[in-house]
C-alpha cells in the first residue's frame, strides 16, 4: 500500500503540491460491477479532459484545500454561471463536503453526496441520480443529551473518504436502532460501501463503534471531522455535540479510531481521556478531522476545551499521532498555548479549526510546518517535527477578534497555498470585525488571508473579504499561475489569492446557503457547492 492507502495501480503524477492520479477500475484491469451500465440514462458522461478526482476533504491528506486545475484562470473563472439544468434529487442537509470521481459508476464521472438524513447519493455529470442508498434512521435532537445538539436530524456529518483501488466509500452514520423510540440512544456505525452501486461491503462492515471500542459512548459523541485513509487504515475522529453536554454517566472525549480496511474488527483507538487521567471532553471536532504528512508518518489533530481542567489534560492542543493511531505524550508530539487554562474556561479552544500541513522551501532546506487558526483569534505556526509542548509555537499573530468565547473567532477549514509572491493561509472569521487587523473587510463570517513572512515564518494579514455568511475556503491554481480563493454563501465568490481583488461575484443565487464548515470543490473546470436547508448540489460552469 502507498502511504495514503492507495493501490499501486493508481499512478501518482506530481503536479506541484497536488498528486494527480491515473484513476479508475479499468486502469487496474477491473471491470465495473455487474448491473452498472454506462449510459446517459444514468446521468453520466465522460469527465472533462484532465479532471482530477476529489476523494477526501480539501482534496489532500494535508488538508490544504489546494486544487490544481489548469483551466481555472481568472479569465475563465469570470465566465462561470450557475447551471440551471443541474437539478439532482438530494435528500437531507449537506454538511459533509461533496466528493467527485472522474471514473465513477459505469466509468463515467459522478459526484458523491452524503447527508444528515443518512442518504449517500451518486449523481452523474448531467445531474441525474445514478444510485441512492439509505443507511438507517438518523438521530433527532430528542435522542441526544439534553440540551445539546444543533443538527436535526443528525446522520452523516463528517466528510467521507473514497478508496479508488477497491472502489469503496467510507463514512460514519449516526443511526437509531430498528424500532427505536424518541428517547432511545443512537449509535455510530462506520460503513464501507461500493462506489459503483452503494451496497455495503461484506467481511466485518459496518463497524459498530460502541461494540468495538471500550469506553466509547455514541450517545455523547458526535462525528464532525473528515475521515482519512492512510496506509490501509481509515481514521475517524470524534468530539461532543454542540453545547458540550457531558456528565459522569455519559462523558465525551476526543477520539480517533483506526480501522484497518482489511480487518475492520481490529479497531485501534486513541482518546484524550488517556492524557488527563480521567478528565473529560477535549473533543476532536474540527471539520478537516485528521491531517497527515504526504508520507503518512505523522497525523495531526486539534482538540477542544476540557471543561475547566486545573492541569493540562489534552485540550486546547495540536497533537501528533503516528499510525494506528498511537500517541506518545511527549512534548515533541503536543502543543498547547500558554493561556490554555483561560482558553479552556472561556471556550476559546483551538478545536474549532483543523491543522494544515505545510512546507516552505528555504535556500538549503524545507521548513516543516503545521498551521492552525484558533477560536482565540490567533493563527499559530508550529514546527511539526517538534511541536514543543506549552507555548512552543514558532510564531502566532492576531488575525481575528479575541475574547469571542463560544462564538469562536476563527473556525471551519483553513486552506494554504503558495504563489510567486509568497505563502498564504486562508481562514474563516466567525466573529468580527473589530481588532482583526484586516486592511479591508473583516466582517463577521468572512474570509481572511495571512501571508507567512520572515524567519520564523510569521502571519501578517494581507486581505479579508467584505462578504458575510461565507463557508470555509478552498483555492484553485491554474496552469498560468493564477490563484483564486473561493467561498460561498447563497452566492459563489472568488478572489485573487495575492490581493483579494474580486475575480468572481456572480448574480446567480442558490436557494440554500452552504453550512459554514463546508467547502466548495473544483471538479474539472467547475466549482461545485453542497448546501443545507434545503440540501442541494449546485454546479457553476462556463
Protein backbone atom coordinates (compact mmCIF):
# COMPACT_ATOMS: atom_id res chain seq x y z
CA UNK A 1 0.00 0.00 0.00
CA UNK A 2 1.11 3.54 -0.64
CA UNK A 3 1.20 5.98 2.23
CA UNK A 4 -2.31 7.29 1.52
CA UNK A 5 -3.88 3.85 1.34
CA UNK A 6 -3.93 3.83 -2.49
CA UNK A 7 -3.24 0.91 -4.79
CA UNK A 8 -0.07 0.93 -6.91
CA UNK A 9 -2.32 0.85 -10.00
CA UNK A 10 -3.25 4.45 -9.20
CA UNK A 11 -0.22 6.05 -10.80
CA UNK A 12 0.83 9.22 -8.95
CA UNK A 13 1.80 12.13 -11.17
CA UNK A 14 3.25 15.03 -9.20
CA UNK A 15 1.94 18.46 -10.16
CA UNK A 16 3.26 20.84 -7.55
CA UNK A 17 1.83 20.06 -4.12
CA UNK A 18 -1.06 18.00 -5.52
CA UNK A 19 -0.88 14.38 -6.60
CA UNK A 20 -2.83 13.67 -9.77
CA UNK A 21 -3.90 10.05 -10.04
CA UNK A 22 -4.37 7.97 -13.15
CA UNK A 23 -7.55 6.55 -11.70
CA UNK A 24 -10.25 4.05 -12.39
CA UNK A 25 -11.16 0.41 -12.24
CA UNK A 26 -10.11 -0.08 -15.86
CA UNK A 27 -6.61 1.21 -15.06
CA UNK A 28 -6.26 -1.72 -12.68
CA UNK A 29 -7.64 -4.27 -15.08
CA UNK A 30 -11.01 -4.31 -13.29
CA UNK A 31 -14.48 -4.08 -14.69
CA UNK A 32 -17.44 -2.24 -13.18
CA UNK A 33 -19.77 -4.35 -11.05
CA UNK A 34 -22.44 -6.32 -12.92
CA UNK A 35 -25.58 -4.31 -13.46
CA UNK A 36 -23.78 -0.95 -13.65
CA UNK A 37 -24.34 0.29 -17.17
CA UNK A 38 -22.66 3.36 -18.67
CA UNK A 39 -25.48 5.30 -20.28
CA UNK A 40 -26.97 8.76 -20.46
CA UNK A 41 -29.96 7.45 -18.54
CA UNK A 42 -27.71 7.22 -15.51
CA UNK A 43 -26.96 10.95 -15.76
CA UNK A 44 -23.40 10.02 -16.61
CA UNK A 45 -20.91 11.30 -19.13
CA UNK A 46 -17.20 11.40 -19.67
CA UNK A 47 -15.34 13.62 -17.25
CA UNK A 48 -13.79 16.80 -18.65
CA UNK A 49 -10.30 16.22 -20.01
CA UNK A 50 -7.79 16.46 -17.17
CA UNK A 51 -10.44 16.38 -14.41
CA UNK A 52 -8.96 15.26 -11.09
CA UNK A 53 -10.98 13.18 -8.64
CA UNK A 54 -11.76 14.69 -5.23
CA UNK A 55 -11.57 11.70 -2.90
CA UNK A 56 -11.36 13.38 0.51
CA UNK A 57 -11.85 16.61 2.40
CA UNK A 58 -9.95 19.60 0.95
CA UNK A 59 -8.52 17.39 -1.80
CA UNK A 60 -5.37 16.31 0.06
CA UNK A 61 -4.40 14.50 3.28
CA UNK A 62 -2.50 17.67 4.22
CA UNK A 63 -5.95 19.41 4.22
CA UNK A 64 -4.50 22.41 2.35
CA UNK A 65 -7.60 22.77 0.14
CA UNK A 66 -5.48 23.42 -2.97
CA UNK A 67 -6.88 22.24 -6.32
CA UNK A 68 -4.61 22.19 -9.36
CA UNK A 69 -6.90 23.00 -12.31
CA UNK A 70 -5.07 24.17 -15.45
CA UNK A 71 -8.26 25.71 -16.87
CA UNK A 72 -9.24 27.84 -13.86
CA UNK A 73 -7.59 31.11 -14.88
CA UNK A 74 -9.01 34.44 -13.77
CA UNK A 75 -10.46 34.99 -17.23
CA UNK A 76 -12.07 31.55 -17.23
CA UNK A 77 -13.45 31.99 -13.70
CA UNK A 78 -15.23 35.18 -14.74
CA UNK A 79 -17.32 33.16 -17.21
CA UNK A 80 -18.83 30.77 -14.64
CA UNK A 81 -22.60 30.62 -14.28
CA UNK A 82 -24.94 28.52 -12.18
CA UNK A 83 -26.10 25.60 -14.32
CA UNK A 84 -29.93 25.68 -14.25
CA UNK A 85 -30.19 22.21 -15.81
CA UNK A 86 -28.26 20.51 -12.99
CA UNK A 87 -31.08 19.72 -10.53
CA UNK A 88 -30.38 16.39 -8.82
CA UNK A 89 -32.53 15.00 -6.02
CA UNK A 90 -30.67 15.31 -2.72
CA UNK A 91 -32.41 14.02 0.42
CA UNK A 92 -31.31 15.85 3.56
CA UNK A 93 -28.98 18.67 4.52
CA UNK A 94 -25.42 18.58 3.20
CA UNK A 95 -22.87 19.22 5.96
CA UNK A 96 -20.20 16.91 4.51
CA UNK A 97 -18.10 18.21 1.63
CA UNK A 98 -19.21 16.69 -1.69
CA UNK A 99 -16.75 14.39 -3.41
CA UNK A 100 -16.10 13.83 -7.12
CA UNK A 101 -14.91 10.77 -9.05
CA UNK A 102 -13.80 11.25 -12.64
CA UNK A 103 -14.13 7.48 -13.26
CA UNK A 104 -17.26 6.65 -11.28
CA UNK A 105 -20.04 4.10 -11.84
CA UNK A 106 -20.07 2.84 -15.40
CA UNK A 107 -16.69 4.52 -15.99
CA UNK A 108 -18.49 7.90 -16.03
CA UNK A 109 -17.99 10.92 -13.77
CA UNK A 110 -20.02 11.14 -10.56
CA UNK A 111 -20.50 13.37 -7.54
CA UNK A 112 -20.89 11.66 -4.16
CA UNK A 113 -23.13 13.46 -1.67
CA UNK A 114 -23.73 12.34 1.95
CA UNK A 115 -26.48 13.97 4.03
CA UNK A 116 -27.80 14.30 7.55
CA UNK A 117 -30.72 12.08 6.54
CA UNK A 118 -28.21 9.20 6.19
CA UNK A 119 -28.52 9.20 2.42
CA UNK A 120 -25.47 8.67 0.23
CA UNK A 121 -26.15 9.54 -3.41
CA UNK A 122 -24.11 9.19 -6.60
CA UNK A 123 -25.04 11.90 -9.10
CA UNK A 124 -23.98 11.92 -12.73
CA UNK A 125 -22.38 14.82 -14.51
CA UNK A 126 -25.72 15.88 -16.01
CA UNK A 127 -27.48 15.85 -12.63
CA UNK A 128 -29.38 12.55 -12.76
CA UNK A 129 -29.17 10.22 -9.76
CA UNK A 130 -27.14 7.09 -10.50
CA UNK A 131 -27.87 5.45 -7.17
CA UNK A 132 -29.16 6.49 -3.75
CA UNK A 133 -28.85 4.39 -0.59
CA UNK A 134 -30.09 4.99 2.96
CA UNK A 135 -28.09 3.81 5.96
CA UNK A 136 -30.53 3.67 8.87
CA UNK A 137 -32.66 6.26 10.62
CA UNK A 138 -30.75 9.39 11.70
CA UNK A 139 -30.98 10.70 15.27
CA UNK A 140 -33.28 13.53 16.31
CA UNK A 141 -32.38 16.14 18.94
CA UNK A 142 -34.56 14.19 21.39
CA UNK A 143 -32.14 11.27 21.01
CA UNK A 144 -29.15 13.36 22.16
CA UNK A 145 -28.04 14.55 25.61
CA UNK A 146 -30.25 17.50 26.57
CA UNK A 147 -29.86 20.39 25.84
CA UNK A 148 -27.07 19.52 23.40
CA UNK A 149 -27.05 19.36 19.64
CA UNK A 150 -27.77 21.74 16.78
CA UNK A 151 -28.11 19.37 13.81
CA UNK A 152 -31.57 17.87 13.38
CA UNK A 153 -31.69 15.17 12.18
CA UNK A 154 -28.14 14.02 12.83
CA UNK A 155 -26.86 11.46 10.35
CA UNK A 156 -23.70 11.74 8.22
CA UNK A 157 -21.76 14.89 9.13
CA UNK A 158 -18.07 14.11 8.59
CA UNK A 159 -16.82 14.11 5.00
CA UNK A 160 -16.37 10.54 3.67
CA UNK A 161 -13.19 9.27 2.07
CA UNK A 162 -13.02 7.20 -1.12
CA UNK A 163 -10.52 4.47 -1.98
CA UNK A 164 -10.46 4.05 -5.76
CA UNK A 165 -8.32 0.92 -5.60
CA UNK A 166 -11.19 -1.01 -4.01
CA UNK A 167 -13.89 1.42 -5.26
CA UNK A 168 -15.12 1.89 -1.70
CA UNK A 169 -16.64 4.86 0.13
CA UNK A 170 -16.04 5.05 3.89
CA UNK A 171 -18.22 7.18 6.22
CA UNK A 172 -19.74 7.35 9.71
CA UNK A 173 -23.52 7.45 10.17
CA UNK A 174 -25.32 8.27 13.43
CA UNK A 175 -28.15 5.75 13.46
CA UNK A 176 -31.13 4.81 15.62
CA UNK A 177 -31.64 1.10 16.28
CA UNK A 178 -34.55 -0.50 14.47
CA UNK A 179 -37.80 0.15 16.31
CA UNK A 180 -36.22 2.84 18.49
CA UNK A 181 -38.39 5.48 20.10
CA UNK A 182 -37.82 9.22 20.61
CA UNK A 183 -35.81 8.68 23.81
CA UNK A 184 -33.60 5.86 22.53
CA UNK A 185 -29.87 6.33 22.19
CA UNK A 186 -28.36 6.35 18.69
CA UNK A 187 -25.17 4.56 17.68
CA UNK A 188 -22.27 5.36 15.40
CA UNK A 189 -21.64 2.91 12.57
CA UNK A 190 -18.68 3.22 10.19
CA UNK A 191 -19.67 1.96 6.74
CA UNK A 192 -17.77 0.75 3.69
CA UNK A 193 -19.96 0.81 0.58
CA UNK A 194 -19.44 0.25 -3.12
CA UNK A 195 -18.71 3.29 -5.24
CA UNK A 196 -20.49 1.57 -8.11
CA UNK A 197 -23.88 0.86 -6.52
CA UNK A 198 -23.81 1.94 -2.86
CA UNK A 199 -24.20 -1.55 -1.43
CA UNK A 200 -22.49 -2.37 1.85
CA UNK A 201 -19.23 -4.26 1.70
CA UNK A 202 -19.05 -7.58 3.49
CA UNK A 203 -16.44 -9.02 5.85
CA UNK A 204 -16.94 -7.01 9.01
CA UNK A 205 -18.66 -3.85 7.81
CA UNK A 206 -20.33 -1.74 9.09
CA UNK A 207 -18.34 -1.30 12.30
CA UNK A 208 -20.44 -0.81 15.46
CA UNK A 209 -18.22 1.70 17.27
CA UNK A 210 -19.74 1.20 20.74
CA UNK A 211 -19.20 -2.56 20.48
CA UNK A 212 -15.69 -2.18 19.09
CA UNK A 213 -14.14 0.45 21.39
CA UNK A 214 -14.11 0.15 25.17
CA UNK A 215 -15.30 3.36 26.86
CA UNK A 216 -16.87 4.84 23.72
CA UNK A 217 -20.48 6.02 24.11
CA UNK A 218 -22.23 7.14 20.92
CA UNK A 219 -24.88 8.98 22.94
CA UNK A 220 -22.34 11.65 23.94
CA UNK A 221 -20.12 11.62 20.84
CA UNK A 222 -20.55 13.39 17.53
CA UNK A 223 -18.62 12.70 14.33
CA UNK A 224 -17.99 16.00 12.52
CA UNK A 225 -14.39 15.74 11.31
CA UNK A 226 -13.48 14.34 7.89
CA UNK A 227 -12.35 10.74 7.60
CA UNK A 228 -8.85 9.91 6.33
CA UNK A 229 -7.43 6.80 4.64
CA UNK A 230 -3.72 6.28 5.26
CA UNK A 231 -1.70 3.10 4.75
CA UNK A 232 -4.80 0.94 4.57
CA UNK A 233 -6.33 2.36 7.78
CA UNK A 234 -9.45 4.50 7.94
CA UNK A 235 -9.14 7.18 10.65
CA UNK A 236 -12.36 8.53 12.16
CA UNK A 237 -12.29 11.46 14.65
CA UNK A 238 -14.98 12.21 17.27
CA UNK A 239 -15.89 15.04 19.62
CA UNK A 240 -19.00 16.05 21.54
CA UNK A 241 -22.27 17.64 20.49
CA UNK A 242 -22.80 21.38 20.22
CA UNK A 243 -23.27 22.65 23.77
CA UNK A 244 -20.59 20.45 25.39
CA UNK A 245 -23.05 18.32 27.34
CA UNK A 246 -21.12 15.90 29.49
CA UNK A 247 -21.83 14.01 32.68
CA UNK A 248 -20.22 11.39 34.87
CA UNK A 249 -22.55 8.81 33.37
CA UNK A 250 -22.07 9.90 29.74
CA UNK A 251 -18.86 11.91 29.29
CA UNK A 252 -17.43 12.68 25.88
CA UNK A 253 -13.79 12.70 24.81
CA UNK A 254 -11.73 13.42 21.77
CA UNK A 255 -11.34 10.12 19.95
CA UNK A 256 -9.52 8.97 16.83
CA UNK A 257 -10.35 5.46 15.66
CA UNK A 258 -8.10 3.49 13.33
CA UNK A 259 -9.98 0.83 11.34
CA UNK A 260 -7.87 -1.42 9.08
CA UNK A 261 -9.80 -1.86 5.83
CA UNK A 262 -8.67 -5.49 5.61
CA UNK A 263 -9.62 -6.29 9.23
CA UNK A 264 -12.37 -3.89 10.34
CA UNK A 265 -12.98 -5.72 13.61
CA UNK A 266 -9.43 -4.90 14.74
CA UNK A 267 -10.07 -1.31 15.77
CA UNK A 268 -7.36 0.76 17.46
CA UNK A 269 -8.39 3.91 19.32
CA UNK A 270 -6.83 6.98 20.90
CA UNK A 271 -8.72 9.08 23.45
CA UNK A 272 -7.82 12.42 25.05
CA UNK A 273 -9.06 10.84 28.28
CA UNK A 274 -5.79 8.89 28.40
CA UNK A 275 -3.83 12.15 28.68
CA UNK A 276 -5.75 13.74 31.52
CA UNK A 277 -6.06 10.57 33.59
CA UNK A 278 -9.83 10.65 33.81
CA UNK A 279 -10.53 14.15 32.53
CA UNK A 280 -13.33 14.53 30.00
CA UNK A 281 -14.04 16.46 26.81
CA UNK A 282 -11.11 17.64 24.64
CA UNK A 283 -13.21 16.81 21.57
CA UNK A 284 -11.70 16.38 18.11
CA UNK A 285 -14.45 18.03 16.09
CA UNK A 286 -12.78 20.33 13.55
CA UNK A 287 -14.17 19.80 10.06
CA UNK A 288 -10.89 18.65 8.49
CA UNK A 289 -10.51 15.88 11.04
CA UNK A 290 -7.12 14.20 10.71
CA UNK A 291 -4.41 15.97 8.66
CA UNK A 292 -1.41 13.97 7.52
CA UNK A 293 2.04 14.43 6.08
CA UNK A 294 2.29 13.26 2.49
CA UNK A 295 4.26 10.17 3.53
CA UNK A 296 1.61 9.25 6.11
CA UNK A 297 4.07 9.02 9.01
CA UNK A 298 2.56 11.80 11.13
CA UNK A 299 -1.12 12.55 11.81
CA UNK A 300 -2.26 15.84 13.34
CA UNK A 301 -5.48 16.77 15.13
CA UNK A 302 -6.69 19.75 17.15
CA UNK A 303 -8.62 19.38 20.39
CA UNK A 304 -11.29 21.45 22.11
CA UNK A 305 -11.76 22.52 25.71
CA UNK A 306 -11.61 20.14 28.67
CA UNK A 307 -14.25 21.77 30.83
CA UNK A 308 -12.05 23.91 33.06
CA UNK A 309 -9.32 21.39 33.94
CA UNK A 310 -6.87 22.54 36.64
CA UNK A 311 -3.91 20.86 34.91
CA UNK A 312 -3.45 20.38 31.18
CA UNK A 313 -5.44 17.34 30.12
CA UNK A 314 -5.10 17.14 26.36
CA UNK A 315 -7.40 20.01 25.40
CA UNK A 316 -6.69 23.27 23.52
CA UNK A 317 -3.96 21.42 21.66
CA UNK A 318 -2.41 20.24 18.45
CA UNK A 319 -1.47 16.58 18.85
CA UNK A 320 0.74 14.48 16.62
CA UNK A 321 -0.18 10.81 16.30
CA UNK A 322 1.54 8.01 14.46
CA UNK A 323 -0.09 5.15 12.60
CA UNK A 324 -2.56 3.08 14.49
CA UNK A 325 -3.30 5.68 15.90
CA UNK A 326 -0.68 5.95 18.64
CA UNK A 327 0.22 8.88 20.89
CA UNK A 328 3.38 9.18 23.00
CA UNK A 329 2.51 12.19 25.23
CA UNK A 330 5.99 13.68 24.64
CA UNK A 331 6.44 17.43 24.33
CA UNK A 332 7.56 16.89 20.73
CA UNK A 333 4.12 15.47 19.97
CA UNK A 334 1.90 18.09 21.63
CA UNK A 335 1.42 21.82 21.54
CA UNK A 336 -0.91 23.97 23.63
CA UNK A 337 -0.90 27.75 24.20
CA UNK A 338 0.48 29.33 27.36
CA UNK A 339 -3.05 30.65 28.03
CA UNK A 340 -4.61 27.20 27.64
CA UNK A 341 -6.40 27.40 31.02
CA UNK A 342 -8.06 30.71 30.21
CA UNK A 343 -9.00 29.39 26.77
CA UNK A 344 -10.46 26.32 28.47
CA UNK A 345 -12.57 28.39 30.81
CA UNK A 346 -13.80 30.83 28.14
CA UNK A 347 -14.47 28.33 25.32
CA UNK A 348 -11.78 29.80 23.04
CA UNK A 349 -10.34 26.45 22.07
CA UNK A 350 -8.14 25.52 19.16
CA UNK A 351 -10.54 22.75 18.21
CA UNK A 352 -12.79 24.88 16.01
CA UNK A 353 -10.37 24.62 13.06
CA UNK A 354 -8.26 21.73 11.83
CA UNK A 355 -4.50 21.84 11.30
CA UNK A 356 -2.97 22.18 7.84
CA UNK A 357 0.37 20.54 6.99
CA UNK A 358 2.57 22.92 5.03
CA UNK A 359 6.12 23.06 3.65
CA UNK A 360 8.01 26.28 2.92
CA UNK A 361 11.23 25.89 0.87
CA UNK A 362 14.36 27.65 2.12
CA UNK A 363 17.68 28.23 0.40
CA UNK A 364 19.14 24.92 1.58
CA UNK A 365 16.27 23.28 3.43
CA UNK A 366 12.49 22.91 3.76
CA UNK A 367 10.58 24.15 6.79
CA UNK A 368 8.12 21.54 8.00
CA UNK A 369 5.15 23.39 9.43
CA UNK A 370 1.68 22.94 10.84
CA UNK A 371 -0.60 25.99 10.86
CA UNK A 372 -3.88 26.23 12.76
CA UNK A 373 -6.32 29.09 13.48
CA UNK A 374 -7.88 29.27 16.94
CA UNK A 375 -11.11 30.49 18.46
CA UNK A 376 -8.80 32.77 20.47
CA UNK A 377 -8.21 34.85 17.30
CA UNK A 378 -4.60 33.75 16.75
CA UNK A 379 -3.08 31.96 13.77
CA UNK A 380 -0.41 29.59 15.09
CA UNK A 381 2.66 28.42 13.15
CA UNK A 382 4.27 25.26 14.56
CA UNK A 383 7.31 23.12 13.82
CA UNK A 384 5.65 19.81 13.01
CA UNK A 385 8.86 17.85 13.68
CA UNK A 386 8.86 19.15 17.26
CA UNK A 387 5.59 20.67 18.48
CA UNK A 388 7.44 21.52 21.68
CA UNK A 389 4.78 21.47 24.41
CA UNK A 390 3.27 24.52 26.10
CA UNK A 391 3.83 27.88 24.38
CA UNK A 392 6.30 26.48 21.86
CA UNK A 393 4.84 27.97 18.70
CA UNK A 394 7.32 29.31 16.14
CA UNK A 395 5.07 32.36 15.85
CA UNK A 396 1.49 33.48 16.24
CA UNK A 397 -0.37 36.57 15.12
CA UNK A 398 -3.75 38.09 15.88
CA UNK A 399 -5.80 37.60 12.72
CA UNK A 400 -9.30 37.64 14.22
CA UNK A 401 -11.21 39.10 17.17
CA UNK A 402 -10.22 37.92 20.62
CA UNK A 403 -12.40 37.16 23.63
CA UNK A 404 -15.16 35.91 21.33
CA UNK A 405 -15.85 32.94 23.61
CA UNK A 406 -18.33 30.40 22.33
CA UNK A 407 -18.90 32.39 19.14
CA UNK A 408 -15.45 31.30 18.03
CA UNK A 409 -13.34 33.95 16.33
CA UNK A 410 -11.83 31.51 13.82
CA UNK A 411 -13.35 28.19 12.86
CA UNK A 412 -14.03 25.94 9.90
CA UNK A 413 -11.48 24.54 7.45
CA UNK A 414 -8.42 26.70 6.60
CA UNK A 415 -6.56 26.44 3.31
CA UNK A 416 -2.93 27.12 2.35
CA UNK A 417 -1.24 27.99 -0.92
CA UNK A 418 1.90 29.45 -2.48
CA UNK A 419 2.11 31.96 -5.33
CA UNK A 420 5.04 33.75 -6.92
CA UNK A 421 4.66 36.35 -4.17
CA UNK A 422 4.72 34.09 -1.13
CA UNK A 423 2.92 31.53 1.02
CA UNK A 424 -0.53 32.24 2.44
CA UNK A 425 -3.14 30.78 4.80
CA UNK A 426 -6.85 31.46 4.23
CA UNK A 427 -9.22 31.08 7.19
CA UNK A 428 -12.82 31.74 8.13
CA UNK A 429 -13.56 34.62 10.54
CA UNK A 430 -16.63 33.60 12.51
CA UNK A 431 -16.93 36.83 14.50
CA UNK A 432 -15.65 40.35 13.87
CA UNK A 433 -14.83 42.88 12.62
CA UNK A 434 -13.09 44.92 15.31
CA UNK A 435 -9.47 44.06 16.07
CA UNK A 436 -8.97 41.65 13.20
CA UNK A 437 -6.14 43.59 11.63
CA UNK A 438 -7.83 43.33 8.25
CA UNK A 439 -6.87 46.19 5.93
CA UNK A 440 -10.27 45.75 4.26
CA UNK A 441 -13.40 43.82 5.08
CA UNK A 442 -13.12 41.60 8.11
CA UNK A 443 -16.87 41.39 8.66
CA UNK A 444 -18.33 38.51 10.69
CA UNK A 445 -18.43 35.17 8.87
CA UNK A 446 -15.98 36.31 6.21
CA UNK A 447 -12.65 35.03 4.85
CA UNK A 448 -9.25 36.37 5.90
CA UNK A 449 -5.84 35.69 4.36
CA UNK A 450 -2.46 35.98 6.07
CA UNK A 451 0.97 35.82 4.41
CA UNK A 452 3.79 33.93 6.13
CA UNK A 453 6.97 36.00 6.06
CA UNK A 454 10.30 36.16 7.87
CA UNK A 455 12.17 33.66 10.00
CA UNK A 456 10.47 32.07 11.78
CA UNK A 457 7.52 32.34 9.37
CA UNK A 458 5.06 34.81 10.90
CA UNK A 459 1.49 35.50 9.71
CA UNK A 460 0.64 39.02 8.52
CA UNK A 461 -2.93 39.74 7.42
CA UNK A 462 -2.99 40.99 3.83
CA UNK A 463 -6.68 40.96 2.91
CA UNK A 464 -10.15 39.99 4.07
CA UNK A 465 -13.49 39.76 2.30
CA UNK A 466 -16.37 42.11 2.89
CA UNK A 467 -18.94 39.41 2.07
CA UNK A 468 -20.57 37.68 5.03
CA UNK A 469 -22.12 34.28 5.84
CA UNK A 470 -19.34 32.53 3.92
CA UNK A 471 -18.34 28.91 4.31
CA UNK A 472 -14.81 27.56 4.53
CA UNK A 473 -12.40 28.48 1.70
CA UNK A 474 -10.64 26.46 -0.99
CA UNK A 475 -8.00 27.54 -3.52
CA UNK A 476 -7.53 26.81 -7.22
CA UNK A 477 -4.27 27.17 -9.12
CA UNK A 478 -4.34 27.41 -12.92
CA UNK A 479 -1.72 26.42 -15.46
CA UNK A 480 -0.70 30.05 -15.96
CA UNK A 481 -0.14 30.50 -12.22
CA UNK A 482 -3.43 32.28 -11.43
CA UNK A 483 -4.50 31.53 -7.85
CA UNK A 484 -8.11 32.06 -6.74
CA UNK A 485 -9.57 31.72 -3.23
CA UNK A 486 -13.19 30.51 -3.36
CA UNK A 487 -16.04 30.50 -0.85
CA UNK A 488 -19.83 30.74 -0.95
CA UNK A 489 -22.91 31.85 0.93
CA UNK A 490 -26.05 31.82 -1.20
CA UNK A 491 -23.73 33.11 -3.96
CA UNK A 492 -20.32 31.97 -5.14
CA UNK A 493 -17.29 34.25 -4.71
CA UNK A 494 -13.72 34.08 -6.00
CA UNK A 495 -10.78 36.33 -5.01
CA UNK A 496 -7.25 36.90 -6.27
CA UNK A 497 -5.01 34.91 -3.93
CA UNK A 498 -2.40 37.69 -3.56
CA UNK A 499 -4.55 40.81 -3.40
CA UNK A 500 -8.10 39.78 -2.52
CA UNK A 501 -9.44 41.52 -5.62
CA UNK A 502 -12.82 40.05 -6.55
CA UNK A 503 -12.48 37.74 -9.54
CA UNK A 504 -15.94 36.22 -9.43
CA UNK A 505 -19.10 37.58 -7.79
CA UNK A 506 -21.97 36.00 -9.63
CA UNK A 507 -25.54 37.22 -9.52
CA UNK A 508 -26.86 33.63 -9.52
CA UNK A 509 -28.46 32.81 -6.16
CA UNK A 510 -28.59 29.35 -4.60
CA UNK A 511 -31.81 28.54 -2.74
CA UNK A 512 -29.87 27.30 0.28
CA UNK A 513 -26.66 28.52 1.89
CA UNK A 514 -23.51 26.49 2.40
CA UNK A 515 -23.03 25.44 6.01
CA UNK A 516 -20.04 27.33 7.36
CA UNK A 517 -17.98 24.20 8.00
CA UNK A 518 -18.48 23.07 4.41
CA UNK A 519 -16.33 23.98 1.39
CA UNK A 520 -16.87 24.13 -2.37
CA UNK A 521 -14.88 21.78 -4.58
CA UNK A 522 -13.27 22.14 -8.00
CA UNK A 523 -14.30 19.42 -10.47
CA UNK A 524 -12.64 19.82 -13.84
CA UNK A 525 -13.31 23.47 -14.60
CA UNK A 526 -16.44 23.63 -12.43
CA UNK A 527 -16.99 24.88 -8.90
CA UNK A 528 -19.49 22.69 -7.02
CA UNK A 529 -21.31 23.66 -3.81
CA UNK A 530 -23.33 21.49 -1.43
CA UNK A 531 -25.94 23.33 0.66
CA UNK A 532 -28.03 22.77 3.75
CA UNK A 533 -31.64 23.84 4.31
CA UNK A 534 -32.56 22.84 1.68
CA UNK A 535 -29.98 20.22 0.83
CA UNK A 536 -28.85 20.55 -2.77
CA UNK A 537 -25.85 20.30 -5.06
CA UNK A 538 -25.08 23.27 -7.33
CA UNK A 539 -22.67 23.41 -10.27
CA UNK A 540 -21.07 26.58 -11.63
CA UNK A 541 -19.57 26.22 -15.10
CA UNK A 542 -18.97 28.37 -18.22
